[in-house]
C-alpha atoms as a PDB file:
ATOM      1  CA  MET A   1      85.213  85.117  72.680  1.00  0.00           C
ATOM      2  CA  ARG A   2      83.256  83.978  75.691  1.00  0.00           C
ATOM      3  CA  LEU A   3      82.489  80.315  76.277  1.00  0.00           C
ATOM      4  CA  LEU A   4      79.824  79.028  78.593  1.00  0.00           C
ATOM      5  CA  PHE A   5      81.338  78.012  81.920  1.00  0.00           C
ATOM      6  CA  SER A   6      79.174  75.922  84.201  1.00  0.00           C
ATOM      7  CA  PHE A   7      79.633  75.027  87.839  1.00  0.00           C
ATOM      8  CA  LEU A   8      78.576  71.925  89.676  1.00  0.00           C
ATOM      9  CA  ILE A   9      75.556  72.585  91.892  1.00  0.00           C
ATOM     10  CA  LEU A  10      76.551  71.516  95.370  1.00  0.00           C
ATOM     11  CA  CYS A  11      74.071  69.605  97.492  1.00  0.00           C
ATOM     12  CA  PHE A  12      72.418  70.529 100.767  1.00  0.00           C
ATOM     13  CA  SER A  13      71.429  67.850 103.264  1.00  0.00           C
ATOM     14  CA  CYS A  14      69.931  67.986 106.734  1.00  0.00           C
ATOM     15  CA  GLY A  15      71.368  71.399 107.557  1.00  0.00           C
ATOM     16  CA  VAL A  16      74.931  70.331 106.612  1.00  0.00           C
ATOM     17  CA  VAL A  17      75.932  72.363 103.572  1.00  0.00           C
ATOM     18  CA  ALA A  18      78.225  70.951 100.902  1.00  0.00           C
ATOM     19  CA  GLN A  19      81.062  73.421 100.473  1.00  0.00           C
ATOM     20  CA  ARG A  20      83.796  74.022  97.961  1.00  0.00           C
ATOM     21  CA  TYR A  21      87.322  74.738  99.191  1.00  0.00           C
ATOM     22  CA  TYR A  22      89.839  76.204  96.773  1.00  0.00           C
ATOM     23  CA  SER A  23      93.392  74.957  96.983  1.00  0.00           C
ATOM     24  CA  GLU A  24      96.030  73.577  94.645  1.00  0.00           C
ATOM     25  CA  ARG A  25      97.348  71.230  97.346  1.00  0.00           C
ATOM     26  CA  TYR A  26      94.583  68.610  97.112  1.00  0.00           C
ATOM     27  CA  SER A  27      94.867  65.392  95.049  1.00  0.00           C
ATOM     28  CA  GLN A  28      92.846  62.247  94.419  1.00  0.00           C
ATOM     29  CA  SER A  29      94.369  60.671  97.531  1.00  0.00           C
ATOM     30  CA  ASP A  30      92.409  63.189  99.627  1.00  0.00           C
ATOM     31  CA  LEU A  31      89.033  61.865  98.477  1.00  0.00           C
ATOM     32  CA  GLY A  32      87.303  60.193 101.419  1.00  0.00           C
ATOM     33  CA  LYS A  33      89.132  62.184 104.080  1.00  0.00           C
ATOM     34  CA  GLY A  34      87.059  63.613 106.894  1.00  0.00           C
ATOM     35  CA  PHE A  35      86.649  67.383 107.075  1.00  0.00           C
ATOM     36  CA  ASP A  36      86.436  69.749 110.052  1.00  0.00           C
ATOM     37  CA  GLN A  37      83.821  72.338 109.023  1.00  0.00           C
ATOM     38  CA  GLU A  38      84.807  74.813 111.716  1.00  0.00           C
ATOM     39  CA  LEU A  39      88.539  75.005 110.968  1.00  0.00           C
ATOM     40  CA  HIS A  40      88.127  74.032 107.294  1.00  0.00           C
ATOM     41  CA  GLN A  41      90.805  71.341 107.578  1.00  0.00           C
ATOM     42  CA  GLU A  42      90.925  67.742 106.368  1.00  0.00           C
ATOM     43  CA  GLN A  43      91.091  64.899 108.900  1.00  0.00           C
ATOM     44  CA  ASP A  44      91.495  61.116 108.836  1.00  0.00           C
ATOM     45  CA  SER A  45      90.006  58.997 106.049  1.00  0.00           C
ATOM     46  CA  CYS A  46      86.774  57.415 107.286  1.00  0.00           C
ATOM     47  CA  VAL A  47      85.240  56.387 103.950  1.00  0.00           C
ATOM     48  CA  THR A  48      86.776  54.773 100.876  1.00  0.00           C
ATOM     49  CA  GLY A  49      85.503  53.871  97.427  1.00  0.00           C
ATOM     50  CA  ASP A  50      86.134  53.874  93.677  1.00  0.00           C
ATOM     51  CA  LEU A  51      87.583  56.882  91.859  1.00  0.00           C
ATOM     52  CA  LYS A  52      85.577  58.091  88.873  1.00  0.00           C
ATOM     53  CA  PHE A  53      86.644  60.878  86.499  1.00  0.00           C
ATOM     54  CA  HIS A  54      83.971  63.047  84.863  1.00  0.00           C
ATOM     55  CA  SER A  55      84.990  64.917  81.726  1.00  0.00           C
ATOM     56  CA  ALA A  56      83.605  68.468  81.628  1.00  0.00           C
ATOM     57  CA  MET A  57      85.857  70.768  79.617  1.00  0.00           C
ATOM     58  CA  SER A  58      84.820  74.399  79.263  1.00  0.00           C
ATOM     59  CA  GLY A  59      86.356  77.831  79.575  1.00  0.00           C
ATOM     60  CA  GLU A  60      85.884  81.561  79.668  1.00  0.00           C
ATOM     61  CA  LEU A  61      88.162  84.379  78.509  1.00  0.00           C
ATOM     62  CA  ASP A  62      87.442  87.885  79.763  1.00  0.00           C
ATOM     63  CA  TYR A  63      88.984  91.319  79.861  1.00  0.00           C
ATOM     64  CA  LEU A  64      89.066  92.924  83.320  1.00  0.00           C
ATOM     65  CA  GLN A  65      89.889  96.438  84.437  1.00  0.00           C
ATOM     66  CA  HIS A  66      90.970  97.643  87.890  1.00  0.00           C
ATOM     67  CA  GLN A  67      89.540  94.775  89.967  1.00  0.00           C
ATOM     68  CA  ASN A  68      89.912  94.966  93.750  1.00  0.00           C
ATOM     69  CA  SER A  69      90.568  91.912  95.907  1.00  0.00           C
ATOM     70  CA  VAL A  70      86.858  91.298  96.593  1.00  0.00           C
ATOM     71  CA  ALA A  71      85.991  91.301  92.889  1.00  0.00           C
ATOM     72  CA  ILE A  72      88.910  89.033  91.987  1.00  0.00           C
ATOM     73  CA  SER A  73      88.168  86.541  94.758  1.00  0.00           C
ATOM     74  CA  ARG A  74      84.499  86.327  93.770  1.00  0.00           C
ATOM     75  CA  ARG A  75      85.414  85.878  90.149  1.00  0.00           C
ATOM     76  CA  THR A  76      88.108  83.291  90.755  1.00  0.00           C
ATOM     77  CA  PHE A  77      86.807  81.423  93.781  1.00  0.00           C
ATOM     78  CA  GLY A  78      83.097  82.118  93.539  1.00  0.00           C
ATOM     79  CA  GLU A  79      80.929  80.758  96.300  1.00  0.00           C
ATOM     80  CA  ILE A  80      80.404  82.428  99.636  1.00  0.00           C
ATOM     81  CA  HIS A  81      79.257  80.282 102.551  1.00  0.00           C
ATOM     82  CA  ALA A  82      77.973  81.661 105.837  1.00  0.00           C
ATOM     83  CA  GLY A  83      79.458  85.047 104.996  1.00  0.00           C
ATOM     84  CA  VAL A  84      83.009  83.775 104.493  1.00  0.00           C
ATOM     85  CA  ASN A  85      84.604  83.292 101.107  1.00  0.00           C
ATOM     86  CA  LEU A  86      86.388  79.972 101.433  1.00  0.00           C
ATOM     87  CA  PHE A  87      89.433  81.048  99.448  1.00  0.00           C
ATOM     88  CA  ILE A  88      90.592  82.445 102.796  1.00  0.00           C
ATOM     89  CA  VAL A  89      91.581  78.931 103.807  1.00  0.00           C
ATOM     90  CA  ALA A  90      92.836  77.972 100.367  1.00  0.00           C
ATOM     91  CA  GLY A  91      96.404  76.972  99.570  1.00  0.00           C
ATOM     92  CA  SER A  92      99.160  79.565  99.489  1.00  0.00           C
ATOM     93  CA  VAL A  93      99.467  79.584  95.699  1.00  0.00           C
ATOM     94  CA  SER A  94      95.729  80.024  95.149  1.00  0.00           C
ATOM     95  CA  THR A  95      95.538  82.864  97.638  1.00  0.00           C
ATOM     96  CA  SER A  96      98.658  84.619  96.363  1.00  0.00           C
ATOM     97  CA  ILE A  97      97.141  84.515  92.886  1.00  0.00           C
ATOM     98  CA  ASN A  98      94.079  86.330  94.182  1.00  0.00           C
ATOM     99  CA  HIS A  99      96.117  89.125  95.765  1.00  0.00           C
ATOM    100  CA  ARG A 100      98.610  89.427  92.929  1.00  0.00           C
ATOM    101  CA  ASN A 101      95.791  90.055  90.483  1.00  0.00           C
ATOM    102  CA  SER A 102      93.872  92.610  92.527  1.00  0.00           C
ATOM    103  CA  THR A 103      94.672  96.290  92.653  1.00  0.00           C
ATOM    104  CA  ASP A 104      94.504  99.236  95.033  1.00  0.00           C
ATOM    105  CA  ASN A 105      94.917 103.011  94.965  1.00  0.00           C
ATOM    106  CA  LEU A 106      98.612 102.823  94.153  1.00  0.00           C
ATOM    107  CA  SER A 107      98.285 100.754  91.002  1.00  0.00           C
ATOM    108  CA  LEU A 108      96.123 100.458  87.907  1.00  0.00           C
ATOM    109  CA  THR A 109      95.709  96.991  86.427  1.00  0.00           C
ATOM    110  CA  SER A 110      94.192  95.689  83.217  1.00  0.00           C
ATOM    111  CA  GLN A 111      94.146  91.966  82.612  1.00  0.00           C
ATOM    112  CA  LEU A 112      93.036  89.015  80.605  1.00  0.00           C
ATOM    113  CA  HIS A 113      91.578  86.198  82.694  1.00  0.00           C
ATOM    114  CA  LEU A 114      91.295  82.707  81.252  1.00  0.00           C
ATOM    115  CA  LYS A 115      89.217  80.422  83.458  1.00  0.00           C
ATOM    116  CA  LEU A 116      89.290  76.722  82.529  1.00  0.00           C
ATOM    117  CA  ASP A 117      87.185  73.879  83.892  1.00  0.00           C
ATOM    118  CA  GLU A 118      88.939  70.548  83.280  1.00  0.00           C
ATOM    119  CA  GLY A 119      86.465  68.062  84.783  1.00  0.00           C
ATOM    120  CA  TYR A 120      86.305  66.445  88.200  1.00  0.00           C
ATOM    121  CA  SER A 121      86.857  63.176  90.072  1.00  0.00           C
ATOM    122  CA  THR A 122      84.446  61.708  92.621  1.00  0.00           C
ATOM    123  CA  LEU A 123      84.494  58.886  95.138  1.00  0.00           C
ATOM    124  CA  GLU A 124      81.765  56.350  94.310  1.00  0.00           C
ATOM    125  CA  ASN A 125      80.599  53.000  95.775  1.00  0.00           C
ATOM    126  CA  ARG A 126      81.700  54.236  99.161  1.00  0.00           C
ATOM    127  CA  SER A 127      82.154  52.154 102.292  1.00  0.00           C
ATOM    128  CA  LEU A 128      83.536  52.781 105.763  1.00  0.00           C
ATOM    129  CA  VAL A 129      87.245  52.407 106.401  1.00  0.00           C
ATOM    130  CA  ALA A 130      88.037  49.539 108.757  1.00  0.00           C
ATOM    131  CA  ASP A 131      88.846  50.596 112.337  1.00  0.00           C
ATOM    132  CA  TYR A 132      88.006  54.255 111.704  1.00  0.00           C
ATOM    133  CA  ASP A 133      88.090  56.677 114.619  1.00  0.00           C
ATOM    134  CA  LYS A 134      84.689  58.383 114.729  1.00  0.00           C
ATOM    135  CA  LYS A 135      86.113  61.374 116.599  1.00  0.00           C
ATOM    136  CA  ALA A 136      88.564  62.072 113.783  1.00  0.00           C
ATOM    137  CA  CYS A 137      86.052  61.966 110.920  1.00  0.00           C
ATOM    138  CA  GLY A 138      84.827  65.563 111.065  1.00  0.00           C
ATOM    139  CA  GLY A 139      81.331  66.658 110.122  1.00  0.00           C
ATOM    140  CA  ALA A 140      81.716  65.845 106.423  1.00  0.00           C
ATOM    141  CA  PHE A 141      84.095  64.162 103.987  1.00  0.00           C
ATOM    142  CA  ILE A 142      85.881  65.140 100.775  1.00  0.00           C
ATOM    143  CA  TYR A 143      83.746  63.754  97.973  1.00  0.00           C
ATOM    144  CA  GLN A 144      84.921  65.537  94.844  1.00  0.00           C
ATOM    145  CA  LEU A 145      88.162  66.910  93.382  1.00  0.00           C
ATOM    146  CA  ASN A 146      87.713  69.605  90.724  1.00  0.00           C
ATOM    147  CA  TYR A 147      90.324  70.275  88.043  1.00  0.00           C
ATOM    148  CA  GLY A 148      90.891  73.614  86.382  1.00  0.00           C
ATOM    149  CA  ARG A 149      93.128  76.625  86.184  1.00  0.00           C
ATOM    150  CA  ASP A 150      93.002  80.397  86.147  1.00  0.00           C
ATOM    151  CA  ILE A 151      95.544  82.228  84.019  1.00  0.00           C
ATOM    152  CA  PHE A 152      95.928  85.988  84.414  1.00  0.00           C
ATOM    153  CA  ILE A 153      97.933  88.167  82.045  1.00  0.00           C
ATOM    154  CA  ASN A 154      98.382  91.573  83.669  1.00  0.00           C
ATOM    155  CA  THR A 155      99.658  94.955  82.689  1.00  0.00           C
ATOM    156  CA  ARG A 156      99.973  97.426  85.553  1.00  0.00           C
ATOM    157  CA  LEU A 157     100.982 100.968  86.248  1.00  0.00           C
ATOM    158  CA  HIS A 158     102.557 101.271  89.688  1.00  0.00           C
ATOM    159  CA  PHE A 159     102.437 104.794  91.148  1.00  0.00           C
ATOM    160  CA  ARG A 160     104.623 106.308  93.840  1.00  0.00           C
ATOM    161  CA  SER A 161     101.735 108.096  95.517  1.00  0.00           C
ATOM    162  CA  GLU A 162      97.945 108.073  95.610  1.00  0.00           C
ATOM    163  CA  ALA A 163      97.996 111.632  94.270  1.00  0.00           C
ATOM    164  CA  ASP A 164      99.856 110.435  91.139  1.00  0.00           C
ATOM    165  CA  PHE A 165      97.346 107.613  90.743  1.00  0.00           C
ATOM    166  CA  LYS A 166      94.314 109.928  91.016  1.00  0.00           C
ATOM    167  CA  ARG A 167      95.868 112.387  88.586  1.00  0.00           C
ATOM    168  CA  PHE A 168      96.382 109.647  86.012  1.00  0.00           C
ATOM    169  CA  VAL A 169      92.895 108.096  86.207  1.00  0.00           C
ATOM    170  CA  THR A 170      91.355 111.578  86.039  1.00  0.00           C
ATOM    171  CA  LYS A 171      93.245 112.521  82.887  1.00  0.00           C
ATOM    172  CA  ILE A 172      93.525 109.194  81.037  1.00  0.00           C
ATOM    173  CA  LYS A 173      90.598 107.189  79.662  1.00  0.00           C
ATOM    174  CA  ILE A 174      92.698 104.570  77.845  1.00  0.00           C
ATOM    175  CA  ARG A 175      92.648 100.866  78.616  1.00  0.00           C
ATOM    176  CA  LEU A 176      96.229  99.782  79.072  1.00  0.00           C
ATOM    177  CA  LEU A 177      96.057  96.206  77.860  1.00  0.00           C
ATOM    178  CA  PHE A 178      96.048  95.338  74.159  1.00  0.00           C
ATOM    179  CA  PHE A 179      95.014  98.780  72.926  1.00  0.00           C
ATOM    180  CA  LYS A 180      95.984  99.889  69.442  1.00  0.00           C
ATOM    181  CA  LYS A 181      99.243 101.781  69.788  1.00  0.00           C
ATOM    182  CA  THR A 182      99.339 105.305  68.362  1.00  0.00           C
ATOM    183  CA  ILE A 183     101.876 108.074  68.918  1.00  0.00           C
ATOM    184  CA  THR A 184      99.203 110.282  70.511  1.00  0.00           C
ATOM    185  CA  LYS A 185      98.068 107.639  73.005  1.00  0.00           C
ATOM    186  CA  VAL A 186     101.615 106.696  73.959  1.00  0.00           C
ATOM    187  CA  LYS A 187     102.654 110.311  74.551  1.00  0.00           C
ATOM    188  CA  LEU A 188      99.534 110.965  76.619  1.00  0.00           C
ATOM    189  CA  ILE A 189     100.179 107.994  78.893  1.00  0.00           C
ATOM    190  CA  GLU A 190     103.875 108.840  79.244  1.00  0.00           C
ATOM    191  CA  LYS A 191     102.970 112.416  80.213  1.00  0.00           C
ATOM    192  CA  TYR A 192     100.807 111.446  83.171  1.00  0.00           C
ATOM    193  CA  ALA A 193     102.727 108.292  84.143  1.00  0.00           C
ATOM    194  CA  ALA A 194     106.225 109.780  84.068  1.00  0.00           C
ATOM    195  CA  ASN A 195     106.891 108.836  87.714  1.00  0.00           C
ATOM    196  CA  ALA A 196     105.240 105.407  87.478  1.00  0.00           C
ATOM    197  CA  VAL A 197     106.368 101.963  86.330  1.00  0.00           C
ATOM    198  CA  LEU A 198     104.593  99.876  83.709  1.00  0.00           C
ATOM    199  CA  SER A 199     104.936  96.132  84.313  1.00  0.00           C
ATOM    200  CA  ILE A 200     103.696  92.957  82.616  1.00  0.00           C
ATOM    201  CA  ASP A 201     103.280  89.577  84.264  1.00  0.00           C
ATOM    202  CA  ALA A 202     101.348  86.323  84.052  1.00  0.00           C
ATOM    203  CA  ASN A 203     100.421  83.941  86.837  1.00  0.00           C
ATOM    204  CA  SER A 204      98.253  80.923  87.490  1.00  0.00           C
ATOM    205  CA  ASN A 205      97.172  78.490  90.192  1.00  0.00           C
ATOM    206  CA  ALA A 206      99.163  75.882  88.228  1.00  0.00           C
ATOM    207  CA  SER A 207     101.984  75.794  85.683  1.00  0.00           C
ATOM    208  CA  LEU A 208     101.867  78.387  82.907  1.00  0.00           C
ATOM    209  CA  PRO A 209     101.942  77.371  79.225  1.00  0.00           C
ATOM    210  CA  ALA A 210     105.555  77.023  78.119  1.00  0.00           C
ATOM    211  CA  GLY A 211     105.148  79.459  75.240  1.00  0.00           C
ATOM    212  CA  LEU A 212     103.769  82.153  77.525  1.00  0.00           C
ATOM    213  CA  THR A 213     106.654  81.798  79.970  1.00  0.00           C
ATOM    214  CA  GLN A 214     109.199  81.890  77.162  1.00  0.00           C
ATOM    215  CA  LEU A 215     107.606  84.964  75.592  1.00  0.00           C
ATOM    216  CA  LEU A 216     107.667  86.905  78.852  1.00  0.00           C
ATOM    217  CA  ASN A 217     111.219  85.893  79.722  1.00  0.00           C
ATOM    218  CA  SER A 218     112.537  86.988  76.337  1.00  0.00           C
ATOM    219  CA  ASN A 219     110.808  90.386  76.218  1.00  0.00           C
ATOM    220  CA  THR A 220     110.722  93.568  78.303  1.00  0.00           C
ATOM    221  CA  GLN A 221     108.423  93.317  81.330  1.00  0.00           C
ATOM    222  CA  HIS A 222     109.210  96.572  83.194  1.00  0.00           C
ATOM    223  CA  CYS A 223     109.326 100.094  81.749  1.00  0.00           C
ATOM    224  CA  ARG A 224     109.581 103.577  83.168  1.00  0.00           C
ATOM    225  CA  GLY A 225     106.305 105.410  82.768  1.00  0.00           C
ATOM    226  CA  SER A 226     108.094 108.005  80.654  1.00  0.00           C
ATOM    227  CA  ASP A 227     109.174 105.356  78.103  1.00  0.00           C
ATOM    228  CA  ILE A 228     106.576 102.574  77.746  1.00  0.00           C
ATOM    229  CA  THR A 229     107.162 101.571  74.113  1.00  0.00           C
ATOM    230  CA  PRO A 230     109.303  98.466  74.901  1.00  0.00           C
ATOM    231  CA  CYS A 231     106.510  97.103  77.120  1.00  0.00           C
ATOM    232  CA  LEU A 232     103.858  97.908  74.518  1.00  0.00           C
ATOM    233  CA  ASN A 233     105.854  95.845  72.017  1.00  0.00           C
ATOM    234  CA  THR A 234     105.754  92.961  74.509  1.00  0.00           C
ATOM    235  CA  LEU A 235     101.973  93.385  74.837  1.00  0.00           C
ATOM    236  CA  GLN A 236     101.585  93.196  71.076  1.00  0.00           C
ATOM    237  CA  ARG A 237     103.504  89.917  71.003  1.00  0.00           C
ATOM    238  CA  LEU A 238     101.333  88.635  73.844  1.00  0.00           C
ATOM    239  CA  SER A 239      98.223  89.579  71.913  1.00  0.00           C
ATOM    240  CA  ASP A 240      99.456  87.725  68.844  1.00  0.00           C
ATOM    241  CA  TYR A 241     100.246  84.683  70.993  1.00  0.00           C
ATOM    242  CA  VAL A 242      96.925  84.592  72.881  1.00  0.00           C
ATOM    243  CA  PHE A 243      94.559  85.394  70.018  1.00  0.00           C
ATOM    244  CA  GLY A 244      96.483  83.775  67.168  1.00  0.00           C
ATOM    245  CA  ASP A 245      95.502  80.511  65.494  1.00  0.00           C
ATOM    246  CA  THR A 246      98.427  78.651  67.091  1.00  0.00           C
ATOM    247  CA  GLY A 247     100.467  79.146  70.247  1.00  0.00           C
ATOM    248  CA  PHE A 248      98.342  79.655  73.340  1.00  0.00           C
ATOM    249  CA  THR A 249      95.636  77.102  72.557  1.00  0.00           C
ATOM    250  CA  SER A 250      98.175  74.499  71.495  1.00  0.00           C
ATOM    251  CA  ASP A 251     100.247  75.042  74.646  1.00  0.00           C
ATOM    252  CA  LEU A 252      97.166  74.745  76.869  1.00  0.00           C
ATOM    253  CA  ASN A 253      96.323  71.360  75.361  1.00  0.00           C
ATOM    254  CA  LYS A 254      99.740  70.051  76.431  1.00  0.00           C
ATOM    255  CA  LEU A 255      99.230  70.822  80.116  1.00  0.00           C
ATOM    256  CA  LYS A 256      98.127  68.215  82.639  1.00  0.00           C
ATOM    257  CA  LYS A 257      94.902  68.710  84.563  1.00  0.00           C
ATOM    258  CA  ALA A 258      95.454  70.900  87.606  1.00  0.00           C
ATOM    259  CA  PRO A 259      93.678  70.368  90.969  1.00  0.00           C
ATOM    260  CA  ARG A 260      91.673  73.507  91.744  1.00  0.00           C
ATOM    261  CA  SER A 261      89.237  72.745  94.545  1.00  0.00           C
ATOM    262  CA  VAL A 262      87.454  70.044  96.528  1.00  0.00           C
ATOM    263  CA  ALA A 263      83.810  69.689  97.504  1.00  0.00           C
ATOM    264  CA  THR A 264      82.630  68.138 100.755  1.00  0.00           C
ATOM    265  CA  ARG A 265      79.514  66.060 101.372  1.00  0.00           C
ATOM    266  CA  SER A 266      77.724  65.084 104.571  1.00  0.00           C
ATOM    267  CA  TYR A 267      77.993  61.511 105.861  1.00  0.00           C
ATOM    268  CA  GLN A 268      74.210  61.290 106.053  1.00  0.00           C
ATOM    269  CA  ASP A 269      73.935  62.295 102.408  1.00  0.00           C
ATOM    270  CA  SER A 270      76.299  59.429 101.649  1.00  0.00           C
ATOM    271  CA  GLY A 271      74.190  56.994 103.647  1.00  0.00           C
ATOM    272  CA  HIS A 272      76.757  56.383 106.354  1.00  0.00           C
ATOM    273  CA  TYR A 273      74.489  56.814 109.341  1.00  0.00           C
ATOM    274  CA  ASP A 274      77.108  55.439 111.753  1.00  0.00           C
ATOM    275  CA  LEU A 275      78.841  58.792 111.396  1.00  0.00           C
ATOM    276  CA  MET A 276      75.724  60.946 111.776  1.00  0.00           C
ATOM    277  CA  ASP A 277      76.747  62.100 115.264  1.00  0.00           C
ATOM    278  CA  ALA A 278      79.883  63.617 113.761  1.00  0.00           C
ATOM    279  CA  ALA A 279      77.760  65.264 111.072  1.00  0.00           C
ATOM    280  CA  GLN A 280      75.620  67.010 113.693  1.00  0.00           C
ATOM    281  CA  VAL A 281      78.537  69.117 114.925  1.00  0.00           C
ATOM    282  CA  ARG A 282      77.462  72.752 114.923  1.00  0.00           C
ATOM    283  CA  VAL A 283      79.631  74.819 112.617  1.00  0.00           C
ATOM    284  CA  ASP A 284      80.877  77.854 114.521  1.00  0.00           C
ATOM    285  CA  HIS A 285      82.265  80.726 112.460  1.00  0.00           C
ATOM    286  CA  GLN A 286      84.021  82.464 115.344  1.00  0.00           C
ATOM    287  CA  TYR A 287      87.328  82.523 113.504  1.00  0.00           C
ATOM    288  CA  ASP A 288      86.097  84.038 110.229  1.00  0.00           C
ATOM    289  CA  HIS A 289      86.907  87.624 111.226  1.00  0.00           C
ATOM    290  CA  ILE A 290      90.435  86.564 112.204  1.00  0.00           C
ATOM    291  CA  TRP A 291      91.043  84.886 108.835  1.00  0.00           C
ATOM    292  CA  ARG A 292      89.675  87.923 107.000  1.00  0.00           C
ATOM    293  CA  SER A 293      91.879  90.321 108.936  1.00  0.00           C
ATOM    294  CA  VAL A 294      95.069  88.319 108.449  1.00  0.00           C
ATOM    295  CA  GLU A 295      94.200  87.745 104.789  1.00  0.00           C
ATOM    296  CA  ALA A 296      93.741  91.474 104.174  1.00  0.00           C
ATOM    297  CA  ARG A 297      97.140  92.233 105.725  1.00  0.00           C
ATOM    298  CA  PHE A 298      98.729  89.464 103.661  1.00  0.00           C
ATOM    299  CA  GLY A 299      97.176  90.911 100.492  1.00  0.00           C
ATOM    300  CA  ASP A 300      98.574  94.383 101.247  1.00  0.00           C
ATOM    301  CA  ALA A 301     102.011  92.813 101.720  1.00  0.00           C
ATOM    302  CA  VAL A 302     101.791  90.981  98.383  1.00  0.00           C
ATOM    303  CA  ARG A 303     100.920  94.177  96.502  1.00  0.00           C
ATOM    304  CA  ARG A 304     103.557  96.229  98.330  1.00  0.00           C
ATOM    305  CA  HIS A 305     106.204  93.667  97.382  1.00  0.00           C
ATOM    306  CA  THR A 306     105.119  93.606  93.729  1.00  0.00           C
ATOM    307  CA  ARG A 307     105.260  97.401  93.575  1.00  0.00           C
ATOM    308  CA  ALA A 308     108.673  97.580  95.276  1.00  0.00           C
ATOM    309  CA  GLU A 309     110.063  95.004  92.858  1.00  0.00           C
ATOM    310  CA  ALA A 310     108.828  97.045  89.887  1.00  0.00           C
ATOM    311  CA  PHE A 311     110.493 100.261  91.068  1.00  0.00           C
ATOM    312  CA  LEU A 312     113.731  98.428  91.897  1.00  0.00           C
ATOM    313  CA  THR A 313     113.848  96.881  88.425  1.00  0.00           C
ATOM    314  CA  ILE A 314     113.851 100.258  86.632  1.00  0.00           C
ATOM    315  CA  ALA A 315     115.803 102.231  89.267  1.00  0.00           C
ATOM    316  CA  THR A 316     118.587 104.524  88.086  1.00  0.00           C
ATOM    317  CA  GLU A 317     121.902 104.717  89.907  1.00  0.00           C
ATOM    318  CA  ASN A 318     120.604 107.625  92.013  1.00  0.00           C
ATOM    319  CA  GLU A 319     117.359 105.803  92.822  1.00  0.00           C
ATOM    320  CA  TYR A 320     118.798 102.362  93.446  1.00  0.00           C
ATOM    321  CA  ASP A 321     119.708 102.553  97.160  1.00  0.00           C
ATOM    322  CA  ASP A 322     116.295 103.829  98.241  1.00  0.00           C
ATOM    323  CA  ALA A 323     114.544 101.326  95.959  1.00  0.00           C
ATOM    324  CA  GLN A 324     116.607  98.459  97.394  1.00  0.00           C
ATOM    325  CA  ILE A 325     115.767  99.479 100.964  1.00  0.00           C
ATOM    326  CA  GLU A 326     112.056  99.566 100.179  1.00  0.00           C
ATOM    327  CA  TYR A 327     112.272  96.203  98.409  1.00  0.00           C
ATOM    328  CA  ASP A 328     114.103  94.594 101.344  1.00  0.00           C
ATOM    329  CA  MET A 329     111.528  95.947 103.789  1.00  0.00           C
ATOM    330  CA  ALA A 330     108.663  94.730 101.594  1.00  0.00           C
ATOM    331  CA  THR A 331     110.288  91.289 101.314  1.00  0.00           C
ATOM    332  CA  GLN A 332     110.662  90.998 105.097  1.00  0.00           C
ATOM    333  CA  ASN A 333     107.078  92.161 105.636  1.00  0.00           C
ATOM    334  CA  LEU A 334     105.743  89.623 103.129  1.00  0.00           C
ATOM    335  CA  SER A 335     107.735  86.830 104.771  1.00  0.00           C
ATOM    336  CA  GLU A 336     106.363  87.726 108.195  1.00  0.00           C
ATOM    337  CA  LEU A 337     102.761  87.928 106.938  1.00  0.00           C
ATOM    338  CA  SER A 338     103.137  84.637 105.065  1.00  0.00           C
ATOM    339  CA  ALA A 339     104.244  82.929 108.275  1.00  0.00           C
ATOM    340  CA  LEU A 340     101.444  84.571 110.267  1.00  0.00           C
ATOM    341  CA  ARG A 341      98.872  83.502 107.678  1.00  0.00           C
ATOM    342  CA  GLU A 342     100.069  79.899 107.829  1.00  0.00           C
ATOM    343  CA  THR A 343      99.973  79.901 111.631  1.00  0.00           C
ATOM    344  CA  CYS A 344      96.527  81.467 111.868  1.00  0.00           C
ATOM    345  CA  GLN A 345      95.020  79.123 109.298  1.00  0.00           C
ATOM    346  CA  GLN A 346      95.923  76.186 111.515  1.00  0.00           C
ATOM    347  CA  ARG A 347      95.577  77.818 114.968  1.00  0.00           C
ATOM    348  CA  PRO A 348      93.404  80.947 114.716  1.00  0.00           C
ATOM    349  CA  TRP A 349      92.910  81.095 118.497  1.00  0.00           C
ATOM    350  CA  LEU A 350      96.538  82.168 119.108  1.00  0.00           C
ATOM    351  CA  GLY A 351      97.098  85.660 120.450  1.00  0.00           C
ATOM    352  CA  GLU A 352      99.169  86.872 117.489  1.00  0.00           C
ATOM    353  CA  CYS A 353      96.244  86.169 115.152  1.00  0.00           C
ATOM    354  CA  SER A 354      93.865  88.542 116.910  1.00  0.00           C
END
């Protein structure tokens, strides 16, 4: 079932473009804060006003197959401004979600994506903050906080080599998620995925429904490619939970609204002409290529770590030592790239970022 999902149309004013920034770390207290449009960072609060919540509930449930990081980021985060997708400067959870749900030539992923819009809050009847510092107001301010969540339910085959991956996709034309299990289909997959690992996971930019977490924790989530039946049984239970009359929908209704993104607005558009000089700052995108490069390396590290964890989970006694070494290396690499990403988001001009 596919429900209509609508987006707010962002405004354009006097050459200063309203932009949407995806991050789970924003809250209502950030409304009115200034925004640096070059570094994509919030600054001091220069305007204040009344909070107003707008109810706009809608959602979309789709089946996806083998989506790369570009496709996932466009689907999840959407807008592209000046050639840069602003998820690059999103919060760590939001960005990790993007990379965890994309695939490469060492894995095959099928997934369900539930995208929920849960309304938005705006700052109305705005006025200037007393004793504001004009230099710290940025070229725009945070006007709107959007609520919503993305929930991905993934099933993946992790391969040891690109040759194994190509062999599988050449021979197998079966969708891995929620297909009707037959002996023939299972044997065919197990034949060409004997050296792979089948894994199941769910993730979100906010808390997962309690029933979904409980179901995953109490059922098999990793299987050797040569014996996938336990994981297929888990997928059947997931299907019953998601598409049944009770369960998933009921659990979703119990969750609190989750911050998903903020939208900025120009001071001139707001009628605060005292801050127009700040709004005329030319937005320079000199750091975009640095953010993209670091983000791509971070994404590779996320996927390497996920794959190493899968092989370690199903490792036999003879395989365990090598699997543990690879997992430890992948963990260290992910930690280093996470730290580099955080540094380069804040200070992209540093030498280690280029």
